[in-house]
Every structure is written in structure tokens, then in C-alpha cells.
Protein backbone atom coordinates (compact mmCIF):
# COMPACT_ATOMS: atom_id res chain seq x y z
CA MET A 1 -13.54 39.53 58.72
CA GLY A 2 -12.53 42.62 60.66
CA VAL A 3 -11.63 46.09 59.51
CA PRO A 4 -8.68 45.85 57.07
CA VAL A 5 -5.36 47.13 58.31
CA LEU A 6 -4.86 48.66 54.86
CA ALA A 7 -7.36 49.07 52.04
CA CYS A 8 -6.84 50.55 48.57
CA GLU A 9 -9.79 51.18 46.26
CA GLN A 10 -9.10 52.09 42.62
CA ILE A 11 -5.86 53.88 43.48
CA GLU A 12 -4.25 55.76 40.62
CA TYR A 13 -1.14 57.89 40.33
CA THR A 14 0.03 60.51 37.86
CA ASP A 15 3.72 61.39 37.87
CA GLN A 16 4.68 64.79 36.43
CA GLY A 17 1.66 64.76 34.17
CA GLN A 18 2.29 61.21 33.00
CA HIS A 19 -0.14 58.44 33.91
CA ALA A 20 1.72 55.81 35.98
CA PHE A 21 -0.96 53.34 37.08
CA ALA A 22 -4.64 53.03 37.92
CA GLY A 23 -7.18 50.59 39.32
CA VAL A 24 -5.08 49.35 42.24
CA THR A 25 -7.48 47.63 44.62
CA PHE A 26 -6.67 45.35 47.54
CA HIS A 27 -7.47 44.81 51.22
CA LEU A 28 -5.01 43.55 53.82
CA GLU A 29 -6.18 42.01 57.06
CA ALA A 30 -3.89 41.67 60.07
CA GLY A 31 -1.06 39.26 59.25
CA GLU A 32 -1.77 39.12 55.50
CA ARG A 33 0.96 39.61 52.90
CA LEU A 34 0.97 41.29 49.49
CA VAL A 35 3.81 41.11 46.95
CA VAL A 36 3.93 43.91 44.37
CA LEU A 37 5.62 43.14 41.04
CA ALA A 38 5.89 46.28 38.95
CA ASP A 39 7.20 47.07 35.49
CA PRO A 40 8.78 49.59 35.58
CA ARG A 41 10.09 48.92 39.07
CA HIS A 42 9.71 52.48 40.33
CA HIS A 43 5.92 52.22 40.02
CA GLY A 44 6.05 49.62 42.79
CA GLU A 45 8.14 52.01 44.87
CA ILE A 46 5.54 54.75 44.38
CA LEU A 47 2.76 52.41 45.51
CA LEU A 48 4.74 51.50 48.63
CA ARG A 49 5.10 55.16 49.52
CA ILE A 50 1.39 55.65 49.07
CA CYS A 51 0.78 52.73 51.46
CA ALA A 52 3.20 54.31 53.96
CA THR A 53 1.40 57.74 53.80
CA LEU A 54 4.48 59.42 52.28
CA VAL A 55 2.87 60.08 48.88
CA LEU A 56 -0.74 60.94 48.10
CA PRO A 57 -2.51 59.06 45.30
CA SER A 58 -3.86 61.07 42.39
CA GLY A 59 -7.20 59.30 42.66
CA GLY A 60 -9.06 56.53 44.44
CA GLU A 61 -9.30 55.96 48.17
CA ILE A 62 -6.87 54.52 50.69
CA SER A 63 -7.64 53.80 54.34
CA TRP A 64 -5.85 52.45 57.38
CA ARG A 65 -7.91 50.63 60.02
CA GLY A 66 -11.07 52.00 58.42
CA ARG A 67 -9.91 55.62 58.45
CA SER A 68 -9.67 57.09 54.97
CA ASN A 69 -6.89 59.41 53.93
CA ASP A 70 -9.32 62.33 53.70
CA GLU A 71 -10.42 61.83 57.31
CA ILE A 72 -6.97 61.70 58.87
CA GLN A 73 -5.58 64.99 60.14
CA GLU A 74 -2.43 65.91 62.02
CA PRO A 75 -1.38 64.78 64.61
CA GLU A 76 -3.33 61.57 63.86
CA ARG A 77 -1.36 61.14 60.63
CA TYR A 78 1.87 61.45 62.56
CA ASP A 79 0.73 58.71 64.93
CA LEU A 80 -0.30 56.55 61.98
CA ARG A 81 3.18 56.76 60.50
CA ARG A 82 4.60 55.53 63.78
CA ARG A 83 2.56 52.33 63.30
CA ILE A 84 4.00 51.66 59.85
CA GLY A 85 7.41 50.03 59.49
CA LEU A 86 9.16 51.19 56.32
CA VAL A 87 12.40 49.87 54.83
CA TYR A 88 13.25 51.13 51.37
CA ARG A 89 16.40 50.95 49.28
CA SER A 90 17.84 54.25 50.56
CA SER A 91 16.92 53.80 54.25
CA SER A 92 19.80 54.92 56.44
CA LEU A 93 20.98 55.38 60.01
CA ILE A 94 22.09 58.50 61.91
CA SER A 95 25.85 58.53 61.45
CA ASN A 96 26.90 60.09 64.78
CA MET A 97 24.81 57.77 66.97
CA THR A 98 25.58 54.27 68.15
CA LEU A 99 23.77 51.35 66.61
CA LEU A 100 21.80 50.83 69.82
CA ASP A 101 20.69 54.46 69.96
CA ASN A 102 19.72 54.39 66.28
CA VAL A 103 17.50 51.38 66.85
CA THR A 104 15.88 52.71 70.03
CA LEU A 105 15.60 56.43 69.31
CA GLY A 106 11.99 56.14 68.17
CA LEU A 107 11.01 54.14 71.24
CA GLN A 108 12.45 56.78 73.55
CA TYR A 109 11.24 59.81 71.64
CA HIS A 110 7.82 58.70 70.37
CA GLU A 111 6.76 56.06 72.89
CA ASN A 112 8.37 57.72 75.92
CA LEU A 113 10.15 54.56 76.96
CA SER A 114 13.09 54.94 79.30
CA ARG A 115 16.48 54.20 77.80
CA GLU A 116 16.66 50.99 79.80
CA ALA A 117 13.19 49.82 78.67
CA ALA A 118 13.98 50.70 75.04
CA TYR A 119 17.27 48.80 75.19
CA GLU A 120 15.48 45.80 76.68
CA ARG A 121 12.95 45.72 73.84
CA ALA A 122 15.66 46.13 71.20
CA SER A 123 18.06 43.50 72.53
CA PRO A 124 16.22 40.42 71.12
CA TRP A 125 16.10 41.98 67.65
CA LEU A 126 19.76 42.93 67.74
CA GLY A 127 20.55 39.39 68.76
CA ARG A 128 18.32 37.94 66.04
CA PHE A 129 20.20 39.92 63.40
CA GLY A 130 23.64 39.16 64.83
CA LEU A 131 24.24 42.77 65.88
CA ALA A 132 24.41 42.49 69.68
CA GLU A 133 28.19 42.71 69.82
CA HIS A 134 28.12 45.80 67.57
CA ARG A 135 25.51 47.69 69.60
CA LEU A 136 27.95 50.48 70.58
CA ALA A 137 29.47 50.82 67.11
CA ARG A 138 28.74 53.71 64.75
CA PRO A 139 27.13 52.96 61.37
CA ALA A 140 30.40 53.66 59.55
CA ASP A 141 32.01 50.80 61.50
CA LEU A 142 29.52 48.28 60.08
CA SER A 143 29.41 46.58 56.70
CA PRO A 144 26.64 47.64 54.27
CA GLY A 145 24.82 44.44 55.23
CA GLY A 146 25.17 45.22 58.94
CA ARG A 147 23.74 48.69 58.43
CA ARG A 148 20.85 47.22 56.45
CA LEU A 149 20.09 44.74 59.24
CA ALA A 150 20.17 47.58 61.77
CA VAL A 151 17.53 49.42 59.74
CA TYR A 152 15.34 46.31 59.94
CA ALA A 153 15.89 46.07 63.70
CA ARG A 154 14.86 49.73 64.07
CA GLU A 155 11.56 49.08 62.29
CA PHE A 156 10.75 45.76 63.97
CA VAL A 157 11.19 47.16 67.51
CA LYS A 158 8.31 49.53 66.74
CA ARG A 159 5.98 46.50 66.47
CA PRO A 160 4.33 48.03 63.40
CA GLU A 161 0.84 47.14 62.22
CA ILE A 162 2.04 47.25 58.60
CA LEU A 163 5.52 46.50 57.31
CA VAL A 164 6.33 48.11 53.96
CA LEU A 165 9.47 46.76 52.28
CA GLU A 166 11.17 47.84 49.07
CA SER A 167 13.88 45.56 47.67
CA PRO A 168 14.15 43.62 50.96
CA PHE A 169 17.42 41.93 50.06
CA SER A 170 19.31 45.07 49.00
CA ASP A 171 22.88 45.08 50.42
CA LEU A 172 22.31 41.66 51.99
CA ASP A 173 24.15 38.46 51.16
CA GLU A 174 21.91 35.53 50.29
CA GLY A 175 22.67 33.94 53.66
CA TYR A 176 20.62 36.67 55.35
CA TRP A 177 17.52 36.32 53.18
CA ASP A 178 15.93 33.60 55.29
CA LEU A 179 16.76 35.62 58.42
CA ILE A 180 14.65 38.51 57.15
CA ALA A 181 11.84 36.14 56.14
CA GLU A 182 11.85 34.57 59.63
CA ALA A 183 11.71 38.02 61.26
CA VAL A 184 8.73 38.96 59.12
CA GLU A 185 7.00 35.72 60.08
CA LYS A 186 7.64 36.40 63.77
CA ALA A 187 6.03 39.84 63.41
CA ARG A 188 3.02 38.38 61.59
CA ARG A 189 2.41 35.71 64.19
CA GLY A 190 3.47 37.80 67.17
CA TRP A 191 1.25 40.84 66.71
CA GLY A 192 -0.54 40.43 63.38
CA CYS A 193 1.75 42.65 61.34
CA ALA A 194 0.62 42.90 57.70
CA LEU A 195 3.17 43.06 54.89
CA VAL A 196 3.46 44.89 51.57
CA VAL A 197 6.69 44.16 49.70
CA ALA A 198 7.92 45.20 46.24
CA ASN A 199 10.87 44.35 44.03
CA VAL A 200 11.45 40.75 45.01
CA ASP A 201 12.52 37.92 42.73
CA PRO A 202 9.27 36.74 41.05
CA GLY A 203 10.34 33.20 41.89
CA ARG A 204 10.01 34.05 45.59
CA ALA A 205 6.61 35.73 45.32
CA LYS A 206 4.68 32.68 46.55
CA SER A 207 6.80 32.33 49.66
CA TRP A 208 6.56 36.04 50.48
CA GLY A 209 2.91 36.75 49.72
CA ASP A 210 -0.62 35.50 50.14
CA ARG A 211 -1.49 37.53 47.04
CA VAL A 212 0.51 39.02 44.19
CA LEU A 213 -0.34 42.41 42.69
CA ILE A 214 1.03 42.95 39.20
CA LEU A 215 1.51 46.49 37.85
CA HIS A 216 2.23 46.51 34.14
CA GLY A 217 1.53 49.07 31.45
CA GLY A 218 -0.32 51.29 33.91
CA ARG A 219 -2.81 48.55 34.79
CA SER A 220 -3.05 46.31 37.82
CA ARG A 221 -4.36 42.87 38.63
CA THR A 222 -4.20 40.80 41.79
CA LEU A 223 -3.79 37.02 42.00
CA GLU A 224 -3.85 34.55 44.84
CA ALA A 225 -0.27 33.42 45.39
CA ALA A 226 -1.21 29.85 44.51
CA GLU A 227 -2.34 31.04 41.06
CA PHE A 228 0.82 33.01 40.31
CA ASP A 229 3.27 31.46 37.85
CA PRO A 230 6.64 33.30 37.75
CA VAL A 231 7.55 31.82 34.36
CA LEU A 232 4.33 33.07 32.79
CA TYR A 233 4.83 36.42 34.50
CA LEU A 234 8.27 36.81 32.99
CA ALA A 235 6.96 35.80 29.56
CA SER A 236 3.98 38.15 29.70
CA SER A 237 6.11 41.07 30.85
CA GLY A 238 8.54 40.54 28.01
CA LYS A 239 11.41 39.45 30.22
CA ARG A 240 13.76 36.59 29.61
CA VAL A 241 14.83 33.88 32.00
CA GLU A 242 18.20 35.63 32.31
CA ASP A 243 16.40 38.68 33.69
CA LEU A 244 15.30 36.59 36.68
CA SER A 245 18.93 36.15 37.68
CA MET A 246 19.56 39.85 37.19
CA GLU A 247 16.62 40.72 39.44
CA ARG A 248 17.99 38.38 42.10
CA SER A 249 21.25 40.35 42.11
CA MET A 250 19.42 43.69 42.25
CA ALA A 251 16.79 42.71 44.84
């Protein structure tokens, strides 16, 4: 085994003086996937932001490619964030720019690609998400689902080492769910992109993750995906079968 892309050791977090969770421990190698199921849901969102370097843990140690958080200084941290793809529920686009410029801005600004080279890299992803014909449109001209797909395209063109997703199906019709899953698989196989995803339907956890991390009552435990039973999870977390349908509509 090589150096993990992402490693968390006994991560804990305190929110406004209130203990949120503790004991979060996992390692992700290149191409590996972790599903986070959290109750309450916002604890999963906090953990995602810790993984994406946007929030500091209250305790424990987190490292990326063997470099711990304490060792990373600016501008190295800035470069690290460029290698993390992040899509969360409130991700948005720049309203006064075309879709194509939104998707390629980071490539031009951070990777110093020419506009033509950036457009060339982005074109396959725009085509994959059915956005090629809308490339010169402004975000306001797109449906909520179209804007959401454009956010995904913007992150995938970066070729991130880690993809961090919160509520991956938010604003997307069910017909697009497999499209997102196929894009994630392409990134995993294409360049070894690892995945951390939270707030998915527990019934889909096995298809989205190699392991499942459960946050409940401030404690955490990690299971191999093959050992995870969504029905038992719902029962142990005090949810009813009807809640599974509700989570599908929210995720």
C-alpha cells in the first residue's frame, strides 16, 4: 500500500462549545470510496469540509498524501485545495460568466492553460453532462439541474485527487443519478481519484462506497460496504422505512 491520499486519525469536532463527533478514523488510497452516513446530517457536512481543508478539526490528525495539517503552510495549502474537487449543496456558478468560462476559469487562472487548451479539456465533460449546446449560456438561462451539472463539470475538469460530494443528487432528476455515478467511476479509473460522499440514500451506500462511515450520537464506526445493511442502519438510527423515501427526495 502507498501513502494514503487522505487519512483521518481520531478526528473530533466541537461546534460552538457542543461536542459534535469524535473518533473518526479512516484511510483512503487512490481510487477508494467512502460513504458518510450522519445523524444529524450536518455532522456529515462538517466532516466533508474538514476533508476539503475548509474547516479545522478540534482534535485528532488529518493528512493529505502524507502531509499532516500542521505541516502544511500557505501557499502549499492553496495548492492542496486545487487538487480537491468539492461539490456541496450550495455550490454555485458565477452569474455574469458563460457556462464555458465558469467551467474553465480555474484551468486558466490556476493552471495557466490557454483559453483554447482549457476549452479543449472541458469539452468532453460538457458533452458527458449534456451541456455542450449550452456552453455560451449564462447560469440563469439553465435549469437548476443544468447548473448543478455544470458545477460537477467544473470540478471534474480539475482532475482532482479527492472528490468530496455532499448530497450528490441535489437538484438533479433521478435520470441523472447514474450519469454522476459514471463520471465518478471514470475519474477513479482514469487518474485514481478518491471519493468521500455524504448524505446519500442508505440503500445506495454499497454502490457508492467501498466502506461506510456511520456518525451517530457523536460516535463513529466504519464498515466494509459488503457488511453494511441499510435496513439495520435505519432501525438502529431510529428511522422508519418511510424516512428512506424522504431521504431519496432530499438527497
